Amino acid sequence: MASKSRRLPASERRAQLIEVGRSVFAKHGYEGTSVEEIAKRAKVSKPIVYEHFGGKEGLYAVIVDREMDYVERRISEAISSGSPRERVERASLAFLSYVRDHPDGFAVLSQDSPLSSSRGTISSLLNDLAERVGDVFAPALKEAGYDTKAAPIYANALIGMVTFVGTWWTEERKPPIEEVAKHISALAWMGLRHLPKRPTLQRSAD
């Protein structure tokens, strides 16, 4: 019977450490995670972790980049075609599907990041996603006679709403994400469909 600590090819060992690291970071956060624990979980020595990633921060950065790239790709694909309403629905469902199917990845992205790089924060991910969604909203707003400068406002509102609802959903993991996405997209779309040409604040009489 082969030993569990058998020597793996470098690419397999790297992939294993990323998987283990993602799980440990998701559970304990960056500050609560040590190279020693990652090495123990992966059944390797600490120098192996340093050899592949240079330390905890290097491993964390790789994990964050991979998760962000994955989410961006999924949502970009979701909003690449269809009517504006369909794209809103697909964007909501794509993100919530990620929350459901990749809980450790979402947990890592949701944590406060210790990295100085802007790529190391979920806010940078959300900004990227909102910019892409805004590019989808802009033509629809223009066609309907609205000011396209407002597109980033609505795009950020949608992405922020989906993110916070996703965080809430992880606590109970119900109802099904399809049901959640349906309500989010309906709320967002009905609001967009009935926008006044020039929104104003409703002030009560003094």
N, C-alpha and C. Protein backbone atom coordinates (compact mmCIF):
# COMPACT_ATOMS: atom_id res chain seq x y z
N MET A 1 0.85 -1.21 0.00
CA MET A 1 0.00 0.00 0.00
C MET A 1 0.88 1.25 0.00
N ALA A 2 0.63 2.15 -0.93
CA ALA A 2 1.44 3.35 -1.04
C ALA A 2 1.25 4.28 0.13
N SER A 3 2.29 4.93 0.54
CA SER A 3 2.21 5.89 1.64
C SER A 3 1.44 7.12 1.22
N LYS A 4 0.68 7.69 2.16
CA LYS A 4 -0.09 8.89 1.86
C LYS A 4 0.82 10.08 1.62
N SER A 5 2.06 9.98 2.11
CA SER A 5 2.99 11.09 1.95
C SER A 5 3.92 10.88 0.75
N ARG A 6 3.50 10.04 -0.20
CA ARG A 6 4.32 9.77 -1.36
C ARG A 6 4.63 11.07 -2.10
N ARG A 7 5.73 11.04 -2.82
CA ARG A 7 6.16 12.24 -3.54
C ARG A 7 5.30 12.44 -4.79
N LEU A 8 4.66 13.60 -4.88
CA LEU A 8 3.82 13.92 -6.03
C LEU A 8 4.60 14.76 -7.03
N PRO A 9 4.23 14.70 -8.30
CA PRO A 9 4.82 15.63 -9.27
C PRO A 9 4.54 17.06 -8.82
N ALA A 10 5.40 17.98 -9.19
CA ALA A 10 5.29 19.36 -8.71
C ALA A 10 3.91 19.97 -8.99
N SER A 11 3.36 19.73 -10.18
CA SER A 11 2.06 20.32 -10.53
C SER A 11 0.95 19.76 -9.64
N GLU A 12 1.01 18.46 -9.34
CA GLU A 12 -0.01 17.85 -8.49
C GLU A 12 0.13 18.32 -7.05
N ARG A 13 1.38 18.43 -6.59
CA ARG A 13 1.58 18.92 -5.22
C ARG A 13 1.09 20.35 -5.09
N ARG A 14 1.36 21.17 -6.08
CA ARG A 14 0.91 22.57 -6.05
C ARG A 14 -0.61 22.63 -6.00
N ALA A 15 -1.27 21.83 -6.83
CA ALA A 15 -2.73 21.81 -6.85
C ALA A 15 -3.28 21.33 -5.51
N GLN A 16 -2.62 20.34 -4.90
CA GLN A 16 -3.06 19.84 -3.60
C GLN A 16 -2.94 20.91 -2.53
N LEU A 17 -1.83 21.63 -2.53
CA LEU A 17 -1.63 22.68 -1.53
C LEU A 17 -2.63 23.81 -1.69
N ILE A 18 -2.98 24.13 -2.92
CA ILE A 18 -3.99 25.16 -3.16
C ILE A 18 -5.34 24.71 -2.61
N GLU A 19 -5.70 23.46 -2.84
CA GLU A 19 -6.97 22.95 -2.35
C GLU A 19 -7.01 22.93 -0.83
N VAL A 20 -5.94 22.43 -0.22
CA VAL A 20 -5.87 22.39 1.23
C VAL A 20 -5.86 23.80 1.82
N GLY A 21 -5.04 24.67 1.22
CA GLY A 21 -4.96 26.04 1.70
C GLY A 21 -6.29 26.76 1.64
N ARG A 22 -7.03 26.58 0.55
CA ARG A 22 -8.34 27.22 0.42
C ARG A 22 -9.26 26.79 1.55
N SER A 23 -9.25 25.50 1.88
CA SER A 23 -10.10 24.98 2.95
C SER A 23 -9.72 25.56 4.30
N VAL A 24 -8.41 25.64 4.57
CA VAL A 24 -7.94 26.14 5.87
C VAL A 24 -8.18 27.65 5.99
N PHE A 25 -7.88 28.40 4.93
CA PHE A 25 -8.14 29.84 4.96
C PHE A 25 -9.64 30.13 5.13
N ALA A 26 -10.48 29.34 4.48
CA ALA A 26 -11.93 29.54 4.59
C ALA A 26 -12.40 29.33 6.02
N LYS A 27 -11.80 28.37 6.70
CA LYS A 27 -12.23 28.05 8.07
C LYS A 27 -11.67 29.00 9.11
N HIS A 28 -10.39 29.38 8.96
CA HIS A 28 -9.72 30.14 10.01
C HIS A 28 -9.38 31.58 9.62
N GLY A 29 -9.55 31.95 8.35
CA GLY A 29 -9.15 33.28 7.93
C GLY A 29 -7.64 33.35 7.74
N TYR A 30 -7.17 34.45 7.18
CA TYR A 30 -5.74 34.58 6.90
C TYR A 30 -4.92 34.59 8.18
N GLU A 31 -5.29 35.43 9.13
CA GLU A 31 -4.50 35.57 10.34
C GLU A 31 -4.51 34.29 11.17
N GLY A 32 -5.61 33.54 11.13
CA GLY A 32 -5.72 32.34 11.94
C GLY A 32 -5.12 31.10 11.31
N THR A 33 -4.56 31.24 10.12
CA THR A 33 -3.99 30.11 9.40
C THR A 33 -2.47 30.17 9.47
N SER A 34 -1.86 29.02 9.65
CA SER A 34 -0.40 28.93 9.68
C SER A 34 0.10 27.97 8.60
N VAL A 35 1.33 28.19 8.17
CA VAL A 35 1.96 27.29 7.21
C VAL A 35 2.04 25.89 7.82
N GLU A 36 2.27 25.84 9.10
CA GLU A 36 2.38 24.55 9.78
C GLU A 36 1.09 23.74 9.65
N GLU A 37 -0.06 24.40 9.82
CA GLU A 37 -1.33 23.68 9.70
C GLU A 37 -1.58 23.22 8.28
N ILE A 38 -1.27 24.09 7.31
CA ILE A 38 -1.45 23.72 5.90
C ILE A 38 -0.59 22.51 5.57
N ALA A 39 0.66 22.55 6.01
CA ALA A 39 1.58 21.43 5.75
C ALA A 39 1.08 20.15 6.42
N LYS A 40 0.58 20.28 7.63
CA LYS A 40 0.06 19.12 8.35
C LYS A 40 -1.12 18.51 7.62
N ARG A 41 -2.04 19.37 7.18
CA ARG A 41 -3.23 18.87 6.47
C ARG A 41 -2.86 18.22 5.14
N ALA A 42 -1.82 18.75 4.49
CA ALA A 42 -1.39 18.22 3.20
C ALA A 42 -0.42 17.05 3.35
N LYS A 43 -0.02 16.76 4.60
CA LYS A 43 0.91 15.67 4.91
C LYS A 43 2.26 15.88 4.21
N VAL A 44 2.75 17.13 4.32
CA VAL A 44 4.07 17.46 3.79
C VAL A 44 4.82 18.26 4.85
N SER A 45 6.09 18.51 4.60
CA SER A 45 6.87 19.35 5.50
C SER A 45 6.66 20.82 5.16
N LYS A 46 6.89 21.69 6.12
CA LYS A 46 6.72 23.13 5.89
C LYS A 46 7.58 23.65 4.74
N PRO A 47 8.83 23.16 4.57
CA PRO A 47 9.63 23.66 3.45
C PRO A 47 8.99 23.42 2.08
N ILE A 48 8.16 22.40 1.97
CA ILE A 48 7.49 22.14 0.69
C ILE A 48 6.55 23.29 0.35
N VAL A 49 5.83 23.79 1.35
CA VAL A 49 4.92 24.91 1.13
C VAL A 49 5.71 26.15 0.71
N TYR A 50 6.81 26.40 1.39
CA TYR A 50 7.66 27.55 1.05
C TYR A 50 8.26 27.39 -0.34
N GLU A 51 8.60 26.18 -0.70
CA GLU A 51 9.20 25.92 -2.00
C GLU A 51 8.25 26.29 -3.14
N HIS A 52 6.97 25.99 -2.96
CA HIS A 52 5.99 26.23 -4.03
C HIS A 52 5.44 27.66 -4.03
N PHE A 53 5.30 28.26 -2.84
CA PHE A 53 4.60 29.54 -2.78
C PHE A 53 5.36 30.65 -2.04
N GLY A 54 6.50 30.31 -1.46
CA GLY A 54 7.27 31.32 -0.74
C GLY A 54 6.72 31.64 0.63
N GLY A 55 5.62 31.01 1.02
CA GLY A 55 5.04 31.25 2.33
C GLY A 55 3.52 31.37 2.26
N LYS A 56 2.94 31.74 3.39
CA LYS A 56 1.49 31.81 3.51
C LYS A 56 0.89 32.87 2.59
N GLU A 57 1.52 34.02 2.53
CA GLU A 57 0.97 35.10 1.71
C GLU A 57 0.96 34.73 0.23
N GLY A 58 2.01 34.06 -0.22
CA GLY A 58 2.06 33.64 -1.62
C GLY A 58 0.96 32.66 -1.97
N LEU A 59 0.73 31.70 -1.09
CA LEU A 59 -0.34 30.73 -1.32
C LEU A 59 -1.69 31.41 -1.31
N TYR A 60 -1.89 32.31 -0.36
CA TYR A 60 -3.17 33.03 -0.25
C TYR A 60 -3.44 33.84 -1.52
N ALA A 61 -2.41 34.51 -2.02
CA ALA A 61 -2.57 35.34 -3.22
C ALA A 61 -2.97 34.49 -4.42
N VAL A 62 -2.37 33.31 -4.56
CA VAL A 62 -2.72 32.43 -5.67
C VAL A 62 -4.17 31.97 -5.56
N ILE A 63 -4.58 31.63 -4.36
CA ILE A 63 -5.96 31.17 -4.15
C ILE A 63 -6.95 32.28 -4.48
N VAL A 64 -6.70 33.49 -3.99
CA VAL A 64 -7.61 34.61 -4.25
C VAL A 64 -7.69 34.89 -5.75
N ASP A 65 -6.54 34.94 -6.42
CA ASP A 65 -6.54 35.21 -7.86
C ASP A 65 -7.33 34.16 -8.62
N ARG A 66 -7.17 32.91 -8.26
CA ARG A 66 -7.88 31.84 -8.95
C ARG A 66 -9.39 31.94 -8.74
N GLU A 67 -9.79 32.23 -7.52
CA GLU A 67 -11.22 32.35 -7.24
C GLU A 67 -11.82 33.53 -7.98
N MET A 68 -11.12 34.66 -7.97
CA MET A 68 -11.63 35.85 -8.64
C MET A 68 -11.74 35.65 -10.15
N ASP A 69 -10.72 35.01 -10.72
CA ASP A 69 -10.76 34.75 -12.16
C ASP A 69 -11.93 33.84 -12.51
N TYR A 70 -12.18 32.86 -11.65
CA TYR A 70 -13.26 31.91 -11.90
C TYR A 70 -14.62 32.60 -11.87
N VAL A 71 -14.83 33.43 -10.85
CA VAL A 71 -16.12 34.13 -10.73
C VAL A 71 -16.31 35.10 -11.89
N GLU A 72 -15.27 35.85 -12.22
CA GLU A 72 -15.37 36.79 -13.34
C GLU A 72 -15.73 36.07 -14.63
N ARG A 73 -15.11 34.92 -14.84
CA ARG A 73 -15.37 34.17 -16.07
C ARG A 73 -16.81 33.67 -16.12
N ARG A 74 -17.30 33.18 -15.00
CA ARG A 74 -18.67 32.66 -14.97
C ARG A 74 -19.69 33.77 -15.22
N ILE A 75 -19.50 34.90 -14.59
CA ILE A 75 -20.47 35.99 -14.75
C ILE A 75 -20.33 36.63 -16.12
N SER A 76 -19.12 36.75 -16.62
CA SER A 76 -18.93 37.29 -17.97
C SER A 76 -19.65 36.44 -19.00
N GLU A 77 -19.55 35.12 -18.84
CA GLU A 77 -20.26 34.22 -19.75
C GLU A 77 -21.77 34.37 -19.60
N ALA A 78 -22.22 34.56 -18.36
CA ALA A 78 -23.65 34.64 -18.10
C ALA A 78 -24.28 35.88 -18.73
N ILE A 79 -23.54 36.98 -18.81
CA ILE A 79 -24.11 38.22 -19.33
C ILE A 79 -23.64 38.53 -20.75
N SER A 80 -23.08 37.52 -21.43
CA SER A 80 -22.55 37.75 -22.77
C SER A 80 -23.62 37.76 -23.85
N SER A 81 -24.82 37.30 -23.54
CA SER A 81 -25.89 37.27 -24.54
C SER A 81 -27.24 37.32 -23.86
N GLY A 82 -28.29 37.53 -24.66
CA GLY A 82 -29.64 37.58 -24.12
C GLY A 82 -30.15 38.99 -23.96
N SER A 83 -31.42 39.10 -23.63
CA SER A 83 -32.03 40.40 -23.39
C SER A 83 -31.47 40.98 -22.09
N PRO A 84 -31.63 42.29 -21.86
CA PRO A 84 -31.15 42.87 -20.60
C PRO A 84 -31.70 42.15 -19.37
N ARG A 85 -33.00 41.79 -19.40
CA ARG A 85 -33.56 41.09 -18.24
C ARG A 85 -32.92 39.72 -18.08
N GLU A 86 -32.73 39.00 -19.17
CA GLU A 86 -32.11 37.69 -19.09
C GLU A 86 -30.70 37.79 -18.53
N ARG A 87 -30.00 38.84 -18.88
CA ARG A 87 -28.63 39.00 -18.39
C ARG A 87 -28.61 39.29 -16.90
N VAL A 88 -29.57 40.08 -16.44
CA VAL A 88 -29.68 40.34 -15.00
C VAL A 88 -29.94 39.03 -14.26
N GLU A 89 -30.85 38.22 -14.79
CA GLU A 89 -31.18 36.94 -14.16
C GLU A 89 -29.98 36.00 -14.16
N ARG A 90 -29.29 35.94 -15.29
CA ARG A 90 -28.14 35.04 -15.40
C ARG A 90 -27.00 35.46 -14.51
N ALA A 91 -26.79 36.76 -14.39
CA ALA A 91 -25.72 37.26 -13.51
C ALA A 91 -26.01 36.88 -12.06
N SER A 92 -27.25 37.06 -11.64
CA SER A 92 -27.64 36.72 -10.27
C SER A 92 -27.46 35.23 -10.01
N LEU A 93 -27.94 34.42 -10.94
CA LEU A 93 -27.87 32.97 -10.76
C LEU A 93 -26.43 32.47 -10.81
N ALA A 94 -25.62 33.06 -11.69
CA ALA A 94 -24.22 32.63 -11.81
C ALA A 94 -23.47 32.88 -10.50
N PHE A 95 -23.67 34.05 -9.91
CA PHE A 95 -22.96 34.36 -8.67
C PHE A 95 -23.46 33.49 -7.53
N LEU A 96 -24.77 33.32 -7.42
CA LEU A 96 -25.32 32.50 -6.34
C LEU A 96 -24.94 31.03 -6.51
N SER A 97 -24.81 30.59 -7.75
CA SER A 97 -24.37 29.21 -8.00
C SER A 97 -22.93 29.02 -7.50
N TYR A 98 -22.12 30.05 -7.69
CA TYR A 98 -20.76 30.01 -7.17
C TYR A 98 -20.77 29.93 -5.64
N VAL A 99 -21.61 30.71 -5.01
CA VAL A 99 -21.71 30.69 -3.55
C VAL A 99 -22.09 29.30 -3.06
N ARG A 100 -23.00 28.66 -3.76
CA ARG A 100 -23.47 27.32 -3.38
C ARG A 100 -22.41 26.25 -3.65
N ASP A 101 -21.82 26.30 -4.83
CA ASP A 101 -20.95 25.22 -5.28
C ASP A 101 -19.50 25.35 -4.80
N HIS A 102 -19.10 26.56 -4.41
CA HIS A 102 -17.72 26.80 -3.98
C HIS A 102 -17.71 27.57 -2.66
N PRO A 103 -18.25 26.97 -1.60
CA PRO A 103 -18.37 27.69 -0.33
C PRO A 103 -17.03 28.13 0.25
N ASP A 104 -15.99 27.30 0.09
CA ASP A 104 -14.68 27.69 0.62
C ASP A 104 -14.12 28.88 -0.15
N GLY A 105 -14.27 28.86 -1.47
CA GLY A 105 -13.78 29.97 -2.27
C GLY A 105 -14.51 31.26 -1.92
N PHE A 106 -15.83 31.19 -1.77
CA PHE A 106 -16.61 32.37 -1.42
C PHE A 106 -16.22 32.88 -0.04
N ALA A 107 -15.97 31.94 0.88
CA ALA A 107 -15.57 32.33 2.23
C ALA A 107 -14.25 33.09 2.21
N VAL A 108 -13.30 32.61 1.39
CA VAL A 108 -12.01 33.29 1.29
C VAL A 108 -12.18 34.69 0.71
N LEU A 109 -12.97 34.81 -0.35
CA LEU A 109 -13.17 36.12 -0.98
C LEU A 109 -13.94 37.08 -0.08
N SER A 110 -14.76 36.54 0.81
CA SER A 110 -15.60 37.39 1.66
C SER A 110 -14.83 37.93 2.87
N GLN A 111 -13.68 37.36 3.15
CA GLN A 111 -12.90 37.78 4.31
C GLN A 111 -12.16 39.08 4.01
N ASP A 112 -11.82 39.79 5.07
CA ASP A 112 -10.95 40.96 4.92
C ASP A 112 -9.58 40.48 4.46
N SER A 113 -9.08 41.08 3.41
CA SER A 113 -7.81 40.62 2.86
C SER A 113 -6.62 41.34 3.48
N PRO A 114 -5.55 40.59 3.75
CA PRO A 114 -4.33 41.21 4.28
C PRO A 114 -3.39 41.67 3.18
N LEU A 115 -3.74 41.41 1.94
CA LEU A 115 -2.82 41.71 0.84
C LEU A 115 -2.91 43.17 0.44
N SER A 116 -1.76 43.72 0.05
CA SER A 116 -1.74 45.12 -0.37
C SER A 116 -2.24 45.27 -1.80
N SER A 117 -2.18 44.19 -2.58
CA SER A 117 -2.63 44.24 -3.97
C SER A 117 -4.14 44.44 -4.03
N SER A 118 -4.58 45.28 -4.96
CA SER A 118 -6.01 45.50 -5.12
C SER A 118 -6.72 44.24 -5.56
N ARG A 119 -5.97 43.27 -6.14
CA ARG A 119 -6.57 42.01 -6.56
C ARG A 119 -6.93 41.17 -5.36
N GLY A 120 -6.43 41.55 -4.20
CA GLY A 120 -6.65 40.72 -3.03
C GLY A 120 -7.86 41.10 -2.22
N THR A 121 -8.78 41.84 -2.76
CA THR A 121 -9.96 42.22 -2.01
C THR A 121 -11.21 41.90 -2.81
N ILE A 122 -12.27 41.51 -2.09
CA ILE A 122 -13.50 41.21 -2.79
C ILE A 122 -14.08 42.48 -3.40
N SER A 123 -13.75 43.65 -2.81
CA SER A 123 -14.27 44.89 -3.38
C SER A 123 -13.75 45.10 -4.80
N SER A 124 -12.50 44.69 -5.05
CA SER A 124 -11.97 44.85 -6.40
C SER A 124 -12.68 43.90 -7.36
N LEU A 125 -13.01 42.71 -6.88
CA LEU A 125 -13.77 41.77 -7.70
C LEU A 125 -15.14 42.35 -8.03
N LEU A 126 -15.81 42.88 -7.02
CA LEU A 126 -17.14 43.43 -7.23
C LEU A 126 -17.09 44.63 -8.16
N ASN A 127 -16.04 45.44 -8.05
CA ASN A 127 -15.90 46.58 -8.96
C ASN A 127 -15.75 46.11 -10.40
N ASP A 128 -14.95 45.05 -10.59
CA ASP A 128 -14.77 44.50 -11.93
C ASP A 128 -16.10 43.99 -12.48
N LEU A 129 -16.83 43.26 -11.64
CA LEU A 129 -18.10 42.70 -12.09
C LEU A 129 -19.12 43.80 -12.38
N ALA A 130 -19.16 44.80 -11.52
CA ALA A 130 -20.11 45.89 -11.71
C ALA A 130 -19.80 46.65 -13.00
N GLU A 131 -18.51 46.79 -13.31
CA GLU A 131 -18.15 47.48 -14.56
C GLU A 131 -18.66 46.71 -15.76
N ARG A 132 -18.53 45.39 -15.71
CA ARG A 132 -19.01 44.55 -16.81
C ARG A 132 -20.53 44.62 -16.94
N VAL A 133 -21.22 44.55 -15.79
CA VAL A 133 -22.68 44.64 -15.81
C VAL A 133 -23.12 46.02 -16.27
N GLY A 134 -22.38 47.05 -15.85
CA GLY A 134 -22.69 48.41 -16.29
C GLY A 134 -22.61 48.56 -17.79
N ASP A 135 -21.64 47.87 -18.40
CA ASP A 135 -21.50 47.90 -19.86
C ASP A 135 -22.72 47.28 -20.54
N VAL A 136 -23.35 46.33 -19.85
CA VAL A 136 -24.57 45.71 -20.38
C VAL A 136 -25.76 46.64 -20.20
N PHE A 137 -25.82 47.30 -19.04
CA PHE A 137 -26.95 48.19 -18.76
C PHE A 137 -26.95 49.43 -19.65
N ALA A 138 -25.77 49.96 -19.94
CA ALA A 138 -25.67 51.23 -20.64
C ALA A 138 -26.44 51.27 -21.96
N PRO A 139 -26.27 50.29 -22.87
CA PRO A 139 -27.03 50.33 -24.13
C PRO A 139 -28.54 50.25 -23.91
N ALA A 140 -28.95 49.44 -22.92
CA ALA A 140 -30.38 49.31 -22.64
C ALA A 140 -30.95 50.62 -22.12
N LEU A 141 -30.19 51.30 -21.27
CA LEU A 141 -30.65 52.59 -20.76
C LEU A 141 -30.73 53.62 -21.89
N LYS A 142 -29.72 53.62 -22.74
CA LYS A 142 -29.70 54.57 -23.85
C LYS A 142 -30.88 54.34 -24.78
N GLU A 143 -31.16 53.09 -25.08
CA GLU A 143 -32.27 52.77 -25.97
C GLU A 143 -33.61 53.21 -25.39
N ALA A 144 -33.70 53.13 -24.05
CA ALA A 144 -34.95 53.53 -23.39
C ALA A 144 -35.02 55.02 -23.13
N GLY A 145 -33.98 55.77 -23.50
CA GLY A 145 -34.00 57.22 -23.33
C GLY A 145 -33.51 57.71 -22.00
N TYR A 146 -32.75 56.86 -21.26
CA TYR A 146 -32.24 57.26 -19.95
C TYR A 146 -30.79 57.71 -20.05
N ASP A 147 -30.33 58.35 -19.02
CA ASP A 147 -28.95 58.81 -18.95
C ASP A 147 -28.04 57.62 -18.68
N THR A 148 -27.14 57.30 -19.60
CA THR A 148 -26.27 56.14 -19.45
C THR A 148 -25.23 56.34 -18.35
N LYS A 149 -25.04 57.58 -17.89
CA LYS A 149 -24.10 57.81 -16.80
C LYS A 149 -24.57 57.13 -15.52
N ALA A 150 -25.85 56.78 -15.45
CA ALA A 150 -26.37 56.13 -14.25
C ALA A 150 -26.12 54.63 -14.25
N ALA A 151 -25.65 54.07 -15.37
CA ALA A 151 -25.44 52.62 -15.46
C ALA A 151 -24.57 52.07 -14.34
N PRO A 152 -23.43 52.71 -14.00
CA PRO A 152 -22.61 52.16 -12.91
C PRO A 152 -23.33 52.12 -11.57
N ILE A 153 -24.24 53.06 -11.35
CA ILE A 153 -24.98 53.08 -10.08
C ILE A 153 -25.84 51.82 -9.97
N TYR A 154 -26.59 51.54 -11.03
CA TYR A 154 -27.48 50.38 -11.00
C TYR A 154 -26.69 49.09 -11.02
N ALA A 155 -25.58 49.07 -11.74
CA ALA A 155 -24.75 47.85 -11.80
C ALA A 155 -24.16 47.53 -10.43
N ASN A 156 -23.63 48.55 -9.75
CA ASN A 156 -23.07 48.31 -8.42
C ASN A 156 -24.16 47.92 -7.43
N ALA A 157 -25.35 48.51 -7.58
CA ALA A 157 -26.46 48.15 -6.70
C ALA A 157 -26.83 46.68 -6.86
N LEU A 158 -26.87 46.21 -8.11
CA LEU A 158 -27.22 44.81 -8.37
C LEU A 158 -26.17 43.87 -7.79
N ILE A 159 -24.90 44.13 -8.10
CA ILE A 159 -23.83 43.25 -7.63
C ILE A 159 -23.76 43.25 -6.11
N GLY A 160 -23.87 44.42 -5.50
CA GLY A 160 -23.85 44.49 -4.04
C GLY A 160 -25.00 43.73 -3.42
N MET A 161 -26.17 43.84 -4.01
CA MET A 161 -27.35 43.15 -3.50
C MET A 161 -27.16 41.64 -3.57
N VAL A 162 -26.69 41.16 -4.69
CA VAL A 162 -26.49 39.72 -4.86
C VAL A 162 -25.44 39.19 -3.89
N THR A 163 -24.38 39.96 -3.68
CA THR A 163 -23.31 39.53 -2.79
C THR A 163 -23.80 39.40 -1.35
N PHE A 164 -24.52 40.40 -0.86
CA PHE A 164 -24.98 40.35 0.51
C PHE A 164 -26.06 39.29 0.70
N VAL A 165 -26.90 39.11 -0.29
CA VAL A 165 -27.89 38.04 -0.20
C VAL A 165 -27.20 36.69 -0.21
N GLY A 166 -26.13 36.56 -1.01
CA GLY A 166 -25.37 35.32 -1.03
C GLY A 166 -24.76 35.01 0.33
N THR A 167 -24.24 36.03 0.99
CA THR A 167 -23.69 35.85 2.33
C THR A 167 -24.77 35.41 3.31
N TRP A 168 -25.94 36.02 3.21
CA TRP A 168 -27.06 35.62 4.06
C TRP A 168 -27.47 34.18 3.78
N TRP A 169 -27.47 33.79 2.51
CA TRP A 169 -27.92 32.45 2.13
C TRP A 169 -27.01 31.36 2.71
N THR A 170 -25.72 31.65 2.85
CA THR A 170 -24.80 30.63 3.35
C THR A 170 -25.11 30.22 4.79
N GLU A 171 -25.84 31.03 5.52
CA GLU A 171 -26.14 30.70 6.91
C GLU A 171 -27.16 29.58 7.01
N GLU A 172 -28.14 29.54 6.12
CA GLU A 172 -29.18 28.53 6.16
C GLU A 172 -29.15 27.60 4.96
N ARG A 173 -28.56 28.09 3.86
CA ARG A 173 -28.51 27.35 2.59
C ARG A 173 -29.90 26.96 2.10
N LYS A 174 -30.84 27.82 2.28
CA LYS A 174 -32.18 27.66 1.74
C LYS A 174 -32.85 29.03 1.72
N PRO A 175 -33.82 29.26 0.85
CA PRO A 175 -34.36 28.33 -0.15
C PRO A 175 -33.35 28.06 -1.26
N PRO A 176 -33.71 27.23 -2.25
CA PRO A 176 -32.78 26.95 -3.35
C PRO A 176 -32.30 28.23 -4.01
N ILE A 177 -31.06 28.24 -4.47
CA ILE A 177 -30.50 29.47 -5.05
C ILE A 177 -31.28 29.93 -6.29
N GLU A 178 -31.91 28.99 -6.99
CA GLU A 178 -32.72 29.39 -8.14
C GLU A 178 -33.89 30.28 -7.69
N GLU A 179 -34.45 29.94 -6.54
CA GLU A 179 -35.56 30.73 -5.99
C GLU A 179 -35.06 32.10 -5.56
N VAL A 180 -33.89 32.14 -4.92
CA VAL A 180 -33.30 33.39 -4.48
C VAL A 180 -32.99 34.29 -5.68
N ALA A 181 -32.36 33.69 -6.70
CA ALA A 181 -32.01 34.45 -7.90
C ALA A 181 -33.24 35.02 -8.58
N LYS A 182 -34.33 34.26 -8.56
CA LYS A 182 -35.57 34.72 -9.18
C LYS A 182 -36.08 35.99 -8.51
N HIS A 183 -36.03 36.02 -7.19
CA HIS A 183 -36.53 37.19 -6.46
C HIS A 183 -35.59 38.39 -6.63
N ILE A 184 -34.30 38.15 -6.59
CA ILE A 184 -33.34 39.25 -6.76
C ILE A 184 -33.48 39.88 -8.14
N SER A 185 -33.51 39.04 -9.16
CA SER A 185 -33.58 39.57 -10.52
C SER A 185 -34.91 40.26 -10.78
N ALA A 186 -36.00 39.74 -10.18
CA ALA A 186 -37.30 40.38 -10.34
C ALA A 186 -37.30 41.76 -9.69
N LEU A 187 -36.74 41.85 -8.49
CA LEU A 187 -36.66 43.14 -7.79
C LEU A 187 -35.83 44.13 -8.60
N ALA A 188 -34.68 43.67 -9.07
CA ALA A 188 -33.80 44.57 -9.82
C ALA A 188 -34.45 45.00 -11.13
N TRP A 189 -35.03 44.04 -11.84
CA TRP A 189 -35.57 44.36 -13.16
C TRP A 189 -36.81 45.25 -13.07
N MET A 190 -37.70 44.97 -12.11
CA MET A 190 -38.89 45.80 -11.99
C MET A 190 -38.51 47.23 -11.63
N GLY A 191 -37.46 47.36 -10.82
CA GLY A 191 -37.00 48.70 -10.49
C GLY A 191 -36.44 49.40 -11.71
N LEU A 192 -35.67 48.69 -12.51
CA LEU A 192 -35.10 49.29 -13.71
C LEU A 192 -36.17 49.61 -14.75
N ARG A 193 -37.16 48.75 -14.84
CA ARG A 193 -38.21 48.94 -15.85
C ARG A 193 -39.05 50.17 -15.58
N HIS A 194 -39.16 50.56 -14.31
CA HIS A 194 -40.04 51.67 -13.96
C HIS A 194 -39.26 52.89 -13.47
N LEU A 195 -38.04 53.01 -13.95
CA LEU A 195 -37.25 54.18 -13.59
C LEU A 195 -37.87 55.45 -14.17
N PRO A 196 -37.95 56.51 -13.37
CA PRO A 196 -38.34 57.80 -13.95
C PRO A 196 -37.19 58.32 -14.79
N LYS A 197 -37.49 59.12 -15.79
CA LYS A 197 -36.44 59.66 -16.65
C LYS A 197 -35.42 60.45 -15.85
N ARG A 198 -35.92 61.21 -14.89
CA ARG A 198 -35.03 61.97 -14.01
C ARG A 198 -35.43 61.73 -12.56
N PRO A 199 -34.83 60.75 -11.92
CA PRO A 199 -35.18 60.43 -10.52
C PRO A 199 -34.99 61.63 -9.60
N THR A 200 -35.90 61.79 -8.66
CA THR A 200 -35.79 62.86 -7.68
C THR A 200 -36.06 62.28 -6.31
N LEU A 201 -35.56 62.96 -5.27
CA LEU A 201 -35.86 62.57 -3.90
C LEU A 201 -37.24 63.05 -3.55
N GLN A 202 -38.02 62.20 -2.91
CA GLN A 202 -39.36 62.59 -2.47
C GLN A 202 -39.26 63.22 -1.09
N ARG A 203 -39.46 64.52 -1.02
CA ARG A 203 -39.33 65.24 0.23
C ARG A 203 -40.72 65.51 0.82
N SER A 204 -40.83 65.26 2.10
CA SER A 204 -42.11 65.55 2.75
C SER A 204 -42.23 67.03 2.98
N ALA A 205 -43.47 67.51 3.02
CA ALA A 205 -43.70 68.94 3.23
C ALA A 205 -43.26 69.34 4.65
N ASP A 206 -42.66 70.51 4.76
CA ASP A 206 -42.25 71.01 6.09
C ASP A 206 -43.47 71.31 6.94
